[in-house]
Amino acid sequence: MLTIFIATFAIFLLVVFGMSLGVLIKRKTLQGSCGGISALGMEKVCDCPEPCDARKKRMARAAQRQNRIL
């Protein structure tokens, strides 16, 4: 049983190493899938009517940066 676990773990390590090596060689950033939540018609992950305080701060900073650019 332990040999199956070790073999499976080694295979997973090889796959993760191969994927990371591919990312390093291509010099591309990791990207999300096409569509995602917006494909479901949702604008955000939670269905809360009002965003949390941390999100409000991020939105305010983004709006300030946008205003400086314009």
C-alpha atoms as a PDB file:
ATOM      1  CA  MET A   1       0.000   0.000   0.000  1.00  0.00           C
ATOM      2  CA  LEU A   2       2.842   2.366   0.837  1.00  0.00           C
ATOM      3  CA  THR A   3       4.554   1.710  -2.499  1.00  0.00           C
ATOM      4  CA  ILE A   4       1.382   2.747  -4.375  1.00  0.00           C
ATOM      5  CA  PHE A   5       1.235   5.953  -2.338  1.00  0.00           C
ATOM      6  CA  ILE A   6       4.891   6.757  -2.992  1.00  0.00           C
ATOM      7  CA  ALA A   7       4.553   5.970  -6.715  1.00  0.00           C
ATOM      8  CA  THR A   8       1.440   8.159  -7.006  1.00  0.00           C
ATOM      9  CA  PHE A   9       3.128  10.990  -5.116  1.00  0.00           C
ATOM     10  CA  ALA A  10       6.182  10.758  -7.384  1.00  0.00           C
ATOM     11  CA  ILE A  11       3.995  10.898 -10.495  1.00  0.00           C
ATOM     12  CA  PHE A  12       2.203  13.983  -9.192  1.00  0.00           C
ATOM     13  CA  LEU A  13       5.539  15.631  -8.433  1.00  0.00           C
ATOM     14  CA  LEU A  14       6.744  14.918 -11.963  1.00  0.00           C
ATOM     15  CA  VAL A  15       3.578  16.380 -13.471  1.00  0.00           C
ATOM     16  CA  VAL A  16       3.783  19.531 -11.338  1.00  0.00           C
ATOM     17  CA  PHE A  17       7.480  19.899 -12.151  1.00  0.00           C
ATOM     18  CA  GLY A  18       6.767  19.490 -15.867  1.00  0.00           C
ATOM     19  CA  MET A  19       4.006  22.090 -15.786  1.00  0.00           C
ATOM     20  CA  SER A  20       6.164  24.583 -13.885  1.00  0.00           C
ATOM     21  CA  LEU A  21       9.041  23.991 -16.262  1.00  0.00           C
ATOM     22  CA  GLY A  22       6.754  24.719 -19.207  1.00  0.00           C
ATOM     23  CA  VAL A  23       5.632  27.986 -17.619  1.00  0.00           C
ATOM     24  CA  LEU A  24       9.224  29.021 -16.916  1.00  0.00           C
ATOM     25  CA  ILE A  25      10.400  28.235 -20.433  1.00  0.00           C
ATOM     26  CA  LYS A  26       7.549  30.026 -22.182  1.00  0.00           C
ATOM     27  CA  ARG A  27       7.806  33.064 -19.846  1.00  0.00           C
ATOM     28  CA  LYS A  28       4.030  33.444 -19.839  1.00  0.00           C
ATOM     29  CA  THR A  29       1.932  34.241 -16.801  1.00  0.00           C
ATOM     30  CA  LEU A  30      -0.696  31.805 -15.642  1.00  0.00           C
ATOM     31  CA  GLN A  31      -4.168  32.685 -16.860  1.00  0.00           C
ATOM     32  CA  GLY A  32      -7.649  31.705 -15.881  1.00  0.00           C
ATOM     33  CA  SER A  33     -10.042  29.794 -18.045  1.00  0.00           C
ATOM     34  CA  CYS A  34     -12.124  31.426 -20.749  1.00  0.00           C
ATOM     35  CA  GLY A  35     -15.444  32.561 -19.400  1.00  0.00           C
ATOM     36  CA  GLY A  36     -15.380  31.560 -15.766  1.00  0.00           C
ATOM     37  CA  ILE A  37     -18.001  33.196 -13.580  1.00  0.00           C
ATOM     38  CA  SER A  38     -18.934  35.794 -16.164  1.00  0.00           C
ATOM     39  CA  ALA A  39     -20.046  32.978 -18.482  1.00  0.00           C
ATOM     40  CA  LEU A  40     -22.660  32.091 -15.862  1.00  0.00           C
ATOM     41  CA  GLY A  41     -24.024  35.631 -15.872  1.00  0.00           C
ATOM     42  CA  MET A  42     -22.533  36.502 -12.472  1.00  0.00           C
ATOM     43  CA  GLU A  43     -20.443  39.607 -11.922  1.00  0.00           C
ATOM     44  CA  LYS A  44     -18.801  38.436  -8.708  1.00  0.00           C
ATOM     45  CA  VAL A  45     -18.193  35.230  -6.797  1.00  0.00           C
ATOM     46  CA  CYS A  46     -20.632  35.835  -3.971  1.00  0.00           C
ATOM     47  CA  ASP A  47     -24.208  36.938  -4.363  1.00  0.00           C
ATOM     48  CA  CYS A  48     -23.926  39.502  -1.575  1.00  0.00           C
ATOM     49  CA  PRO A  49     -25.894  42.679  -2.262  1.00  0.00           C
ATOM     50  CA  GLU A  50     -23.013  44.794  -0.950  1.00  0.00           C
ATOM     51  CA  PRO A  51     -19.260  44.067  -1.187  1.00  0.00           C
ATOM     52  CA  CYS A  52     -17.123  43.640   1.935  1.00  0.00           C
ATOM     53  CA  ASP A  53     -14.988  46.466   3.340  1.00  0.00           C
ATOM     54  CA  ALA A  54     -11.741  45.179   1.810  1.00  0.00           C
ATOM     55  CA  ARG A  55     -13.369  45.052  -1.635  1.00  0.00           C
ATOM     56  CA  LYS A  56     -14.748  48.579  -1.202  1.00  0.00           C
ATOM     57  CA  LYS A  57     -11.226  49.834  -0.420  1.00  0.00           C
ATOM     58  CA  ARG A  58      -9.797  48.097  -3.508  1.00  0.00           C
ATOM     59  CA  MET A  59     -12.561  49.556  -5.667  1.00  0.00           C
ATOM     60  CA  ALA A  60     -11.917  53.050  -4.260  1.00  0.00           C
ATOM     61  CA  ARG A  61      -8.170  52.773  -4.959  1.00  0.00           C
ATOM     62  CA  ALA A  62      -8.851  51.559  -8.486  1.00  0.00           C
ATOM     63  CA  ALA A  63     -11.234  54.470  -9.079  1.00  0.00           C
ATOM     64  CA  GLN A  64      -8.613  56.933  -7.809  1.00  0.00           C
ATOM     65  CA  ARG A  65      -5.987  55.480 -10.129  1.00  0.00           C
ATOM     66  CA  GLN A  66      -8.423  55.637 -13.024  1.00  0.00           C
ATOM     67  CA  ASN A  67      -9.189  59.299 -12.268  1.00  0.00           C
ATOM     68  CA  ARG A  68      -5.472  60.153 -12.179  1.00  0.00           C
ATOM     69  CA  ILE A  69      -4.975  58.589 -15.597  1.00  0.00           C
ATOM     70  CA  LEU A  70      -7.832  60.549 -17.139  1.00  0.00           C
END
